[in-house]
Amino acid sequence: MEIRVDILNLGGYIVYKKIEIKMPVLIKLSYLKPNPWNPNVVQKPELDLLELSIIKSGFCFPLVVIKVDDKCYMIVDGFHRHLIAKKLKMEFVPVVILDDPIDELMNATIRFNRARGTHQIDRMSNIVAELINKGCSGYDIAKNLGMDSDEVLRLKQNSGIASIFETSSFSPAWEPSNE
């Protein structure tokens, strides 16, 4: 008799030096959806290589997701692995489920991608603007996304949204004259 389930909870947590580390679980591929903020782009040769890697070596890196509801999980990291899993008609994929606030999830997406991919500048600018609108400082954005302050400034400037500079301090040379 074949047993069908939607989620195989083989994971959970392990504790290392008093820190809980999340472990992967298997979730139905059909329950996964991409996030709207991912700026990562993978070219066809690299996507083909990712497919070959999964076929030859297995699904070595779980997707990172957040639970939207019992039958919907948004992908924080692993969109291209998700595409390959769909192409290979996999029924289940390994995932790690996060439960962090949205700004930390956006940070996580960028950290994962910066470690191995390239980004579209406009999408990165929009993410920086959104993080600032959510109350993150330029310093926090730089620290959390592995950027320096100049890169954050360039992305803020590229966004074209003047309001994201409201809390910035400028030299007196920027003050309008009273003459």
N, C-alpha and C. Protein backbone atom coordinates (compact mmCIF):
# COMPACT_ATOMS: atom_id res chain seq x y z
N MET A 1 0.84 -1.17 0.00
CA MET A 1 0.00 0.00 0.00
C MET A 1 0.89 1.25 0.00
N GLU A 2 0.59 2.19 -0.88
CA GLU A 2 1.36 3.43 -0.98
C GLU A 2 0.72 4.49 -0.10
N ILE A 3 1.53 5.17 0.68
CA ILE A 3 1.04 6.24 1.55
C ILE A 3 1.41 7.57 0.91
N ARG A 4 0.44 8.45 0.78
CA ARG A 4 0.67 9.78 0.22
C ARG A 4 0.56 10.82 1.33
N VAL A 5 1.55 11.69 1.39
CA VAL A 5 1.52 12.79 2.35
C VAL A 5 1.94 14.07 1.65
N ASP A 6 1.60 15.20 2.23
CA ASP A 6 1.97 16.48 1.64
C ASP A 6 3.32 16.97 2.15
N ILE A 7 3.61 16.73 3.41
CA ILE A 7 4.87 17.16 3.99
C ILE A 7 5.47 15.99 4.76
N LEU A 8 6.70 15.67 4.46
CA LEU A 8 7.41 14.63 5.20
C LEU A 8 8.34 15.35 6.17
N ASN A 9 7.99 15.38 7.42
CA ASN A 9 8.77 16.11 8.40
C ASN A 9 9.89 15.22 8.93
N LEU A 10 10.98 15.20 8.21
CA LEU A 10 12.13 14.41 8.60
C LEU A 10 13.17 15.30 9.29
N GLY A 11 12.90 16.57 9.32
CA GLY A 11 13.86 17.53 9.84
C GLY A 11 13.55 17.96 11.24
N GLY A 12 13.49 19.24 11.44
CA GLY A 12 13.31 19.82 12.76
C GLY A 12 14.52 20.66 13.08
N TYR A 13 15.05 20.45 14.27
CA TYR A 13 16.21 21.21 14.72
C TYR A 13 17.28 20.27 15.26
N ILE A 14 18.51 20.72 15.15
CA ILE A 14 19.58 20.12 15.93
C ILE A 14 20.13 21.25 16.79
N VAL A 15 20.71 20.91 17.90
CA VAL A 15 21.27 21.93 18.78
C VAL A 15 22.79 21.80 18.75
N TYR A 16 23.44 22.91 18.44
CA TYR A 16 24.89 22.96 18.40
C TYR A 16 25.33 24.15 19.24
N LYS A 17 26.09 23.88 20.29
CA LYS A 17 26.56 24.93 21.20
C LYS A 17 25.41 25.83 21.64
N LYS A 18 24.30 25.22 22.03
CA LYS A 18 23.10 25.91 22.54
C LYS A 18 22.37 26.74 21.49
N ILE A 19 22.70 26.53 20.23
CA ILE A 19 22.02 27.22 19.14
C ILE A 19 21.19 26.21 18.37
N GLU A 20 19.88 26.52 18.18
CA GLU A 20 19.03 25.64 17.38
C GLU A 20 19.30 25.91 15.90
N ILE A 21 19.62 24.85 15.17
CA ILE A 21 19.87 24.96 13.73
C ILE A 21 18.75 24.21 13.01
N LYS A 22 18.06 24.91 12.11
CA LYS A 22 16.94 24.30 11.38
C LYS A 22 17.45 23.25 10.42
N MET A 23 16.69 22.17 10.30
CA MET A 23 17.03 21.08 9.39
C MET A 23 15.96 20.98 8.30
N PRO A 24 16.31 20.45 7.13
CA PRO A 24 15.35 20.37 6.02
C PRO A 24 14.20 19.41 6.28
N VAL A 25 13.08 19.71 5.62
CA VAL A 25 11.92 18.82 5.54
C VAL A 25 11.60 18.68 4.05
N LEU A 26 10.79 17.70 3.69
CA LEU A 26 10.35 17.55 2.30
C LEU A 26 8.93 18.10 2.17
N ILE A 27 8.74 18.91 1.14
CA ILE A 27 7.42 19.52 0.88
C ILE A 27 7.08 19.29 -0.58
N LYS A 28 5.78 19.15 -0.83
CA LYS A 28 5.30 19.00 -2.21
C LYS A 28 5.75 20.18 -3.06
N LEU A 29 6.30 19.90 -4.20
CA LEU A 29 6.77 20.94 -5.11
C LEU A 29 5.64 21.90 -5.49
N SER A 30 4.44 21.37 -5.64
CA SER A 30 3.31 22.20 -6.05
C SER A 30 2.92 23.24 -5.00
N TYR A 31 3.43 23.12 -3.78
CA TYR A 31 3.12 24.07 -2.71
C TYR A 31 4.04 25.30 -2.72
N LEU A 32 5.04 25.29 -3.59
CA LEU A 32 6.05 26.35 -3.58
C LEU A 32 5.74 27.43 -4.60
N LYS A 33 6.01 28.70 -4.21
CA LYS A 33 5.86 29.82 -5.14
C LYS A 33 7.04 30.76 -4.95
N PRO A 34 7.48 31.42 -6.04
CA PRO A 34 8.61 32.35 -5.96
C PRO A 34 8.26 33.59 -5.15
N ASN A 35 9.27 34.25 -4.61
CA ASN A 35 9.04 35.53 -3.94
C ASN A 35 9.10 36.65 -4.97
N PRO A 36 8.52 37.80 -4.67
CA PRO A 36 8.50 38.89 -5.64
C PRO A 36 9.73 39.78 -5.64
N TRP A 37 10.71 39.53 -4.76
CA TRP A 37 11.83 40.46 -4.64
C TRP A 37 13.16 39.91 -5.13
N ASN A 38 13.25 38.68 -5.56
CA ASN A 38 14.54 38.07 -5.91
C ASN A 38 15.17 38.73 -7.13
N PRO A 39 16.36 39.35 -6.96
CA PRO A 39 17.01 40.01 -8.08
C PRO A 39 18.03 39.13 -8.81
N ASN A 40 18.16 37.88 -8.42
CA ASN A 40 19.19 37.01 -8.96
C ASN A 40 18.82 36.53 -10.37
N VAL A 41 19.81 36.50 -11.23
CA VAL A 41 19.63 36.01 -12.61
C VAL A 41 20.68 34.94 -12.86
N VAL A 42 20.25 33.82 -13.44
CA VAL A 42 21.18 32.75 -13.81
C VAL A 42 21.08 32.54 -15.31
N GLN A 43 22.21 32.58 -15.98
CA GLN A 43 22.25 32.40 -17.42
C GLN A 43 22.06 30.92 -17.77
N LYS A 44 21.65 30.63 -19.01
CA LYS A 44 21.33 29.27 -19.43
C LYS A 44 22.47 28.28 -19.18
N PRO A 45 23.73 28.61 -19.50
CA PRO A 45 24.79 27.61 -19.23
C PRO A 45 24.88 27.22 -17.75
N GLU A 46 24.72 28.21 -16.86
CA GLU A 46 24.76 27.92 -15.43
C GLU A 46 23.52 27.15 -14.98
N LEU A 47 22.37 27.46 -15.58
CA LEU A 47 21.14 26.74 -15.26
C LEU A 47 21.25 25.28 -15.71
N ASP A 48 21.83 25.06 -16.90
CA ASP A 48 22.06 23.69 -17.38
C ASP A 48 23.02 22.95 -16.45
N LEU A 49 24.03 23.66 -15.97
CA LEU A 49 24.99 23.06 -15.05
C LEU A 49 24.31 22.71 -13.72
N LEU A 50 23.42 23.58 -13.25
CA LEU A 50 22.67 23.29 -12.02
C LEU A 50 21.81 22.04 -12.20
N GLU A 51 21.17 21.91 -13.35
CA GLU A 51 20.36 20.72 -13.62
C GLU A 51 21.23 19.46 -13.61
N LEU A 52 22.35 19.52 -14.30
CA LEU A 52 23.26 18.38 -14.32
C LEU A 52 23.75 18.04 -12.91
N SER A 53 24.05 19.07 -12.14
CA SER A 53 24.51 18.87 -10.77
C SER A 53 23.45 18.15 -9.93
N ILE A 54 22.20 18.55 -10.07
CA ILE A 54 21.12 17.89 -9.31
C ILE A 54 20.94 16.45 -9.78
N ILE A 55 21.01 16.23 -11.09
CA ILE A 55 20.86 14.88 -11.62
C ILE A 55 22.01 13.99 -11.17
N LYS A 56 23.23 14.48 -11.26
CA LYS A 56 24.41 13.67 -10.95
C LYS A 56 24.68 13.53 -9.45
N SER A 57 24.52 14.64 -8.72
CA SER A 57 24.94 14.65 -7.32
C SER A 57 23.79 14.66 -6.33
N GLY A 58 22.58 14.89 -6.81
CA GLY A 58 21.43 14.94 -5.91
C GLY A 58 21.05 16.37 -5.56
N PHE A 59 19.98 16.48 -4.82
CA PHE A 59 19.46 17.79 -4.40
C PHE A 59 20.19 18.16 -3.11
N CYS A 60 21.42 18.63 -3.27
CA CYS A 60 22.33 18.83 -2.12
C CYS A 60 22.00 20.05 -1.28
N PHE A 61 21.33 21.04 -1.84
CA PHE A 61 21.04 22.26 -1.11
C PHE A 61 19.54 22.49 -1.06
N PRO A 62 18.95 22.45 0.13
CA PRO A 62 17.50 22.64 0.22
C PRO A 62 17.11 24.07 -0.15
N LEU A 63 15.88 24.23 -0.57
CA LEU A 63 15.33 25.55 -0.78
C LEU A 63 15.06 26.14 0.60
N VAL A 64 15.04 27.45 0.68
CA VAL A 64 14.69 28.14 1.92
C VAL A 64 13.35 28.81 1.65
N VAL A 65 12.37 28.57 2.54
CA VAL A 65 11.01 29.05 2.31
C VAL A 65 10.43 29.64 3.59
N ILE A 66 9.31 30.35 3.42
CA ILE A 66 8.47 30.75 4.54
C ILE A 66 7.08 30.19 4.29
N LYS A 67 6.41 29.84 5.36
CA LYS A 67 5.07 29.27 5.25
C LYS A 67 4.06 30.40 5.12
N VAL A 68 3.29 30.38 4.03
CA VAL A 68 2.21 31.33 3.82
C VAL A 68 0.93 30.74 4.41
N ASP A 69 0.67 29.48 4.07
CA ASP A 69 -0.42 28.71 4.67
C ASP A 69 -0.09 27.23 4.51
N ASP A 70 -1.02 26.36 4.87
CA ASP A 70 -0.72 24.92 4.87
C ASP A 70 -0.37 24.36 3.50
N LYS A 71 -0.76 25.04 2.43
CA LYS A 71 -0.47 24.53 1.09
C LYS A 71 0.26 25.55 0.23
N CYS A 72 0.93 26.51 0.88
CA CYS A 72 1.67 27.52 0.13
C CYS A 72 2.90 27.95 0.93
N TYR A 73 4.06 27.83 0.28
CA TYR A 73 5.33 28.22 0.86
C TYR A 73 6.06 29.10 -0.14
N MET A 74 6.47 30.31 0.30
CA MET A 74 7.15 31.23 -0.59
C MET A 74 8.66 30.97 -0.52
N ILE A 75 9.29 30.92 -1.68
CA ILE A 75 10.72 30.64 -1.79
C ILE A 75 11.51 31.90 -1.44
N VAL A 76 12.39 31.78 -0.45
CA VAL A 76 13.31 32.85 -0.09
C VAL A 76 14.62 32.65 -0.83
N ASP A 77 15.05 31.41 -0.96
CA ASP A 77 16.27 31.07 -1.68
C ASP A 77 16.06 29.73 -2.37
N GLY A 78 16.48 29.64 -3.63
CA GLY A 78 16.39 28.37 -4.34
C GLY A 78 15.45 28.39 -5.53
N PHE A 79 15.13 29.59 -6.02
CA PHE A 79 14.20 29.68 -7.14
C PHE A 79 14.65 28.85 -8.34
N HIS A 80 15.94 28.90 -8.66
CA HIS A 80 16.41 28.16 -9.84
C HIS A 80 16.43 26.65 -9.58
N ARG A 81 16.72 26.24 -8.35
CA ARG A 81 16.60 24.81 -8.00
C ARG A 81 15.14 24.38 -8.11
N HIS A 82 14.23 25.28 -7.74
CA HIS A 82 12.80 25.03 -7.88
C HIS A 82 12.43 24.82 -9.35
N LEU A 83 12.97 25.68 -10.24
CA LEU A 83 12.70 25.52 -11.68
C LEU A 83 13.19 24.16 -12.19
N ILE A 84 14.37 23.77 -11.76
CA ILE A 84 14.93 22.47 -12.18
C ILE A 84 14.07 21.33 -11.64
N ALA A 85 13.65 21.42 -10.39
CA ALA A 85 12.80 20.38 -9.80
C ALA A 85 11.50 20.25 -10.59
N LYS A 86 10.94 21.38 -11.03
CA LYS A 86 9.71 21.33 -11.85
C LYS A 86 10.01 20.65 -13.19
N LYS A 87 11.13 21.03 -13.80
CA LYS A 87 11.51 20.43 -15.08
C LYS A 87 11.69 18.92 -14.95
N LEU A 88 12.27 18.49 -13.83
CA LEU A 88 12.50 17.06 -13.59
C LEU A 88 11.27 16.34 -13.05
N LYS A 89 10.17 17.10 -12.90
CA LYS A 89 8.90 16.55 -12.42
C LYS A 89 9.03 15.86 -11.05
N MET A 90 9.79 16.50 -10.17
CA MET A 90 9.94 15.98 -8.81
C MET A 90 8.63 16.25 -8.06
N GLU A 91 8.25 15.33 -7.20
CA GLU A 91 7.03 15.53 -6.42
C GLU A 91 7.32 16.30 -5.13
N PHE A 92 8.45 15.99 -4.51
CA PHE A 92 8.86 16.64 -3.26
C PHE A 92 10.24 17.25 -3.43
N VAL A 93 10.51 18.31 -2.67
CA VAL A 93 11.84 18.90 -2.62
C VAL A 93 12.18 19.20 -1.16
N PRO A 94 13.48 19.17 -0.84
CA PRO A 94 13.88 19.52 0.52
C PRO A 94 13.84 21.03 0.73
N VAL A 95 13.32 21.45 1.87
CA VAL A 95 13.26 22.87 2.20
C VAL A 95 13.60 23.08 3.67
N VAL A 96 14.08 24.26 3.97
CA VAL A 96 14.21 24.72 5.35
C VAL A 96 13.19 25.83 5.49
N ILE A 97 12.34 25.73 6.50
CA ILE A 97 11.26 26.71 6.69
C ILE A 97 11.70 27.75 7.71
N LEU A 98 11.73 29.01 7.28
CA LEU A 98 12.07 30.13 8.16
C LEU A 98 10.80 30.79 8.68
N ASP A 99 10.93 31.48 9.79
CA ASP A 99 9.79 32.21 10.33
C ASP A 99 10.21 33.60 10.78
N ASP A 100 11.08 34.22 10.00
CA ASP A 100 11.63 35.53 10.33
C ASP A 100 10.74 36.64 9.76
N PRO A 101 10.91 37.88 10.26
CA PRO A 101 10.19 39.02 9.68
C PRO A 101 10.59 39.23 8.22
N ILE A 102 9.73 39.88 7.45
CA ILE A 102 9.93 40.02 6.01
C ILE A 102 11.24 40.71 5.67
N ASP A 103 11.67 41.73 6.44
CA ASP A 103 12.93 42.40 6.09
C ASP A 103 14.11 41.45 6.25
N GLU A 104 14.07 40.56 7.25
CA GLU A 104 15.15 39.58 7.41
C GLU A 104 15.12 38.55 6.28
N LEU A 105 13.92 38.20 5.80
CA LEU A 105 13.81 37.25 4.68
C LEU A 105 14.38 37.87 3.41
N MET A 106 14.11 39.15 3.20
CA MET A 106 14.68 39.84 2.03
C MET A 106 16.20 39.86 2.15
N ASN A 107 16.69 40.15 3.36
CA ASN A 107 18.14 40.13 3.59
C ASN A 107 18.70 38.74 3.29
N ALA A 108 18.01 37.70 3.74
CA ALA A 108 18.48 36.33 3.53
C ALA A 108 18.58 36.01 2.04
N THR A 109 17.58 36.40 1.27
CA THR A 109 17.60 36.17 -0.18
C THR A 109 18.86 36.77 -0.78
N ILE A 110 19.15 38.01 -0.43
CA ILE A 110 20.30 38.69 -1.01
C ILE A 110 21.60 38.05 -0.55
N ARG A 111 21.69 37.72 0.75
CA ARG A 111 22.92 37.08 1.24
C ARG A 111 23.18 35.78 0.49
N PHE A 112 22.15 34.94 0.35
CA PHE A 112 22.32 33.67 -0.35
C PHE A 112 22.77 33.92 -1.79
N ASN A 113 22.12 34.86 -2.46
CA ASN A 113 22.43 35.12 -3.87
C ASN A 113 23.80 35.77 -4.05
N ARG A 114 24.16 36.71 -3.19
CA ARG A 114 25.46 37.37 -3.33
C ARG A 114 26.60 36.38 -3.15
N ALA A 115 26.34 35.34 -2.41
CA ALA A 115 27.38 34.34 -2.19
C ALA A 115 27.69 33.55 -3.46
N ARG A 116 26.77 33.60 -4.46
CA ARG A 116 27.01 32.76 -5.62
C ARG A 116 26.43 33.27 -6.94
N GLY A 117 25.82 34.44 -6.97
CA GLY A 117 25.17 34.86 -8.21
C GLY A 117 25.42 36.32 -8.54
N THR A 118 24.67 36.80 -9.51
CA THR A 118 24.71 38.21 -9.89
C THR A 118 23.31 38.77 -9.72
N HIS A 119 23.23 40.08 -9.68
CA HIS A 119 21.95 40.73 -9.43
C HIS A 119 21.64 41.76 -10.48
N GLN A 120 20.36 42.00 -10.67
CA GLN A 120 19.92 43.07 -11.54
C GLN A 120 19.87 44.34 -10.69
N ILE A 121 20.52 45.38 -11.15
CA ILE A 121 20.70 46.60 -10.37
C ILE A 121 19.37 47.24 -9.98
N ASP A 122 18.40 47.27 -10.89
CA ASP A 122 17.12 47.91 -10.57
C ASP A 122 16.40 47.17 -9.44
N ARG A 123 16.42 45.86 -9.49
CA ARG A 123 15.77 45.10 -8.43
C ARG A 123 16.49 45.28 -7.10
N MET A 124 17.82 45.33 -7.14
CA MET A 124 18.58 45.56 -5.91
C MET A 124 18.26 46.94 -5.34
N SER A 125 18.14 47.95 -6.20
CA SER A 125 17.79 49.30 -5.75
C SER A 125 16.42 49.30 -5.10
N ASN A 126 15.48 48.59 -5.70
CA ASN A 126 14.13 48.53 -5.13
C ASN A 126 14.14 47.85 -3.77
N ILE A 127 14.95 46.81 -3.62
CA ILE A 127 15.03 46.11 -2.33
C ILE A 127 15.62 47.03 -1.27
N VAL A 128 16.69 47.75 -1.62
CA VAL A 128 17.29 48.69 -0.67
C VAL A 128 16.26 49.74 -0.26
N ALA A 129 15.53 50.29 -1.23
CA ALA A 129 14.50 51.28 -0.93
C ALA A 129 13.43 50.69 -0.02
N GLU A 130 13.00 49.48 -0.29
CA GLU A 130 11.96 48.85 0.54
C GLU A 130 12.46 48.59 1.95
N LEU A 131 13.71 48.15 2.08
CA LEU A 131 14.28 47.92 3.42
C LEU A 131 14.36 49.24 4.20
N ILE A 132 14.73 50.33 3.52
CA ILE A 132 14.79 51.63 4.18
C ILE A 132 13.38 52.05 4.61
N ASN A 133 12.41 51.83 3.74
CA ASN A 133 11.02 52.16 4.09
C ASN A 133 10.49 51.32 5.24
N LYS A 134 11.09 50.14 5.46
CA LYS A 134 10.70 49.29 6.58
C LYS A 134 11.48 49.64 7.86
N GLY A 135 12.31 50.68 7.78
CA GLY A 135 13.00 51.16 8.96
C GLY A 135 14.45 50.70 9.12
N CYS A 136 15.00 50.02 8.14
CA CYS A 136 16.39 49.58 8.23
C CYS A 136 17.32 50.75 7.90
N SER A 137 18.41 50.86 8.61
CA SER A 137 19.38 51.92 8.33
C SER A 137 20.31 51.47 7.20
N GLY A 138 20.98 52.44 6.59
CA GLY A 138 21.97 52.11 5.56
C GLY A 138 23.06 51.22 6.12
N TYR A 139 23.45 51.48 7.37
CA TYR A 139 24.47 50.65 8.02
C TYR A 139 23.98 49.21 8.15
N ASP A 140 22.73 49.02 8.61
CA ASP A 140 22.18 47.67 8.77
C ASP A 140 22.08 46.95 7.42
N ILE A 141 21.66 47.68 6.40
CA ILE A 141 21.55 47.08 5.07
C ILE A 141 22.92 46.61 4.60
N ALA A 142 23.92 47.47 4.74
CA ALA A 142 25.27 47.11 4.32
C ALA A 142 25.75 45.87 5.09
N LYS A 143 25.56 45.88 6.39
CA LYS A 143 26.02 44.77 7.23
C LYS A 143 25.29 43.47 6.87
N ASN A 144 23.96 43.54 6.73
CA ASN A 144 23.17 42.34 6.48
C ASN A 144 23.30 41.79 5.08
N LEU A 145 23.65 42.64 4.12
CA LEU A 145 23.72 42.19 2.72
C LEU A 145 25.15 42.05 2.21
N GLY A 146 26.11 42.25 3.08
CA GLY A 146 27.50 42.09 2.67
C GLY A 146 27.97 43.17 1.72
N MET A 147 27.47 44.39 1.90
CA MET A 147 27.84 45.52 1.05
C MET A 147 28.68 46.51 1.85
N ASP A 148 29.32 47.44 1.14
CA ASP A 148 29.91 48.56 1.84
C ASP A 148 28.95 49.74 1.72
N SER A 149 29.21 50.80 2.48
CA SER A 149 28.27 51.93 2.53
C SER A 149 28.14 52.62 1.16
N ASP A 150 29.21 52.64 0.37
CA ASP A 150 29.14 53.25 -0.97
C ASP A 150 28.19 52.48 -1.88
N GLU A 151 28.20 51.16 -1.79
CA GLU A 151 27.29 50.37 -2.63
C GLU A 151 25.84 50.63 -2.25
N VAL A 152 25.57 50.71 -0.94
CA VAL A 152 24.21 51.03 -0.48
C VAL A 152 23.80 52.40 -0.99
N LEU A 153 24.71 53.39 -0.89
CA LEU A 153 24.42 54.74 -1.37
C LEU A 153 24.11 54.74 -2.86
N ARG A 154 24.91 54.03 -3.66
CA ARG A 154 24.67 53.98 -5.11
C ARG A 154 23.30 53.34 -5.42
N LEU A 155 22.95 52.30 -4.68
CA LEU A 155 21.65 51.65 -4.90
C LEU A 155 20.51 52.58 -4.48
N LYS A 156 20.70 53.32 -3.39
CA LYS A 156 19.69 54.30 -2.98
C LYS A 156 19.53 55.36 -4.07
N GLN A 157 20.64 55.86 -4.59
CA GLN A 157 20.59 56.87 -5.64
C GLN A 157 19.91 56.33 -6.89
N ASN A 158 20.19 55.09 -7.22
CA ASN A 158 19.62 54.47 -8.41
C ASN A 158 18.11 54.31 -8.29
N SER A 159 17.61 54.20 -7.06
CA SER A 159 16.17 53.99 -6.88
C SER A 159 15.37 55.20 -7.33
N GLY A 160 15.99 56.40 -7.26
CA GLY A 160 15.29 57.61 -7.67
C GLY A 160 14.23 58.05 -6.68
N ILE A 161 14.19 57.46 -5.51
CA ILE A 161 13.17 57.79 -4.52
C ILE A 161 13.79 58.73 -3.48
N ALA A 162 13.47 59.99 -3.56
CA ALA A 162 14.08 60.99 -2.68
C ALA A 162 13.78 60.72 -1.21
N SER A 163 12.62 60.18 -0.91
CA SER A 163 12.23 59.98 0.50
C SER A 163 13.16 59.03 1.25
N ILE A 164 13.90 58.18 0.55
CA ILE A 164 14.79 57.26 1.27
C ILE A 164 16.03 57.96 1.80
N PHE A 165 16.20 59.25 1.46
CA PHE A 165 17.32 60.03 1.98
C PHE A 165 16.89 60.93 3.14
N GLU A 166 15.62 60.84 3.58
CA GLU A 166 15.11 61.72 4.63
C GLU A 166 15.95 61.72 5.90
N THR A 167 16.42 60.56 6.31
CA THR A 167 17.17 60.46 7.57
C THR A 167 18.68 60.62 7.37
N SER A 168 19.11 60.89 6.15
CA SER A 168 20.54 61.04 5.89
C SER A 168 21.00 62.43 6.33
N SER A 169 22.23 62.50 6.82
CA SER A 169 22.79 63.80 7.16
C SER A 169 23.70 64.24 6.01
N PHE A 170 23.64 65.51 5.73
CA PHE A 170 24.43 66.08 4.64
C PHE A 170 25.28 67.22 5.18
N SER A 171 26.32 67.56 4.47
CA SER A 171 27.17 68.66 4.90
C SER A 171 26.40 69.98 4.74
N PRO A 172 26.82 71.03 5.45
CA PRO A 172 26.14 72.33 5.31
C PRO A 172 26.16 72.86 3.88
N ALA A 173 27.07 72.37 3.05
CA ALA A 173 27.12 72.82 1.66
C ALA A 173 25.83 72.47 0.92
N TRP A 174 25.07 71.56 1.47
CA TRP A 174 23.81 71.15 0.84
C TRP A 174 22.63 71.99 1.29
N GLU A 175 22.84 72.85 2.27
CA GLU A 175 21.74 73.66 2.78
C GLU A 175 21.46 74.80 1.81
N PRO A 176 20.17 75.09 1.59
CA PRO A 176 19.86 76.24 0.72
C PRO A 176 20.29 77.53 1.39
N SER A 177 20.68 78.50 0.60
CA SER A 177 21.09 79.78 1.17
C SER A 177 19.85 80.59 1.54
N ASN A 178 20.00 81.50 2.48
CA ASN A 178 18.89 82.35 2.90
C ASN A 178 18.93 83.70 2.18
N GLU A 179 19.73 83.82 1.18
CA GLU A 179 19.85 85.10 0.46
C GLU A 179 18.76 85.29 -0.53
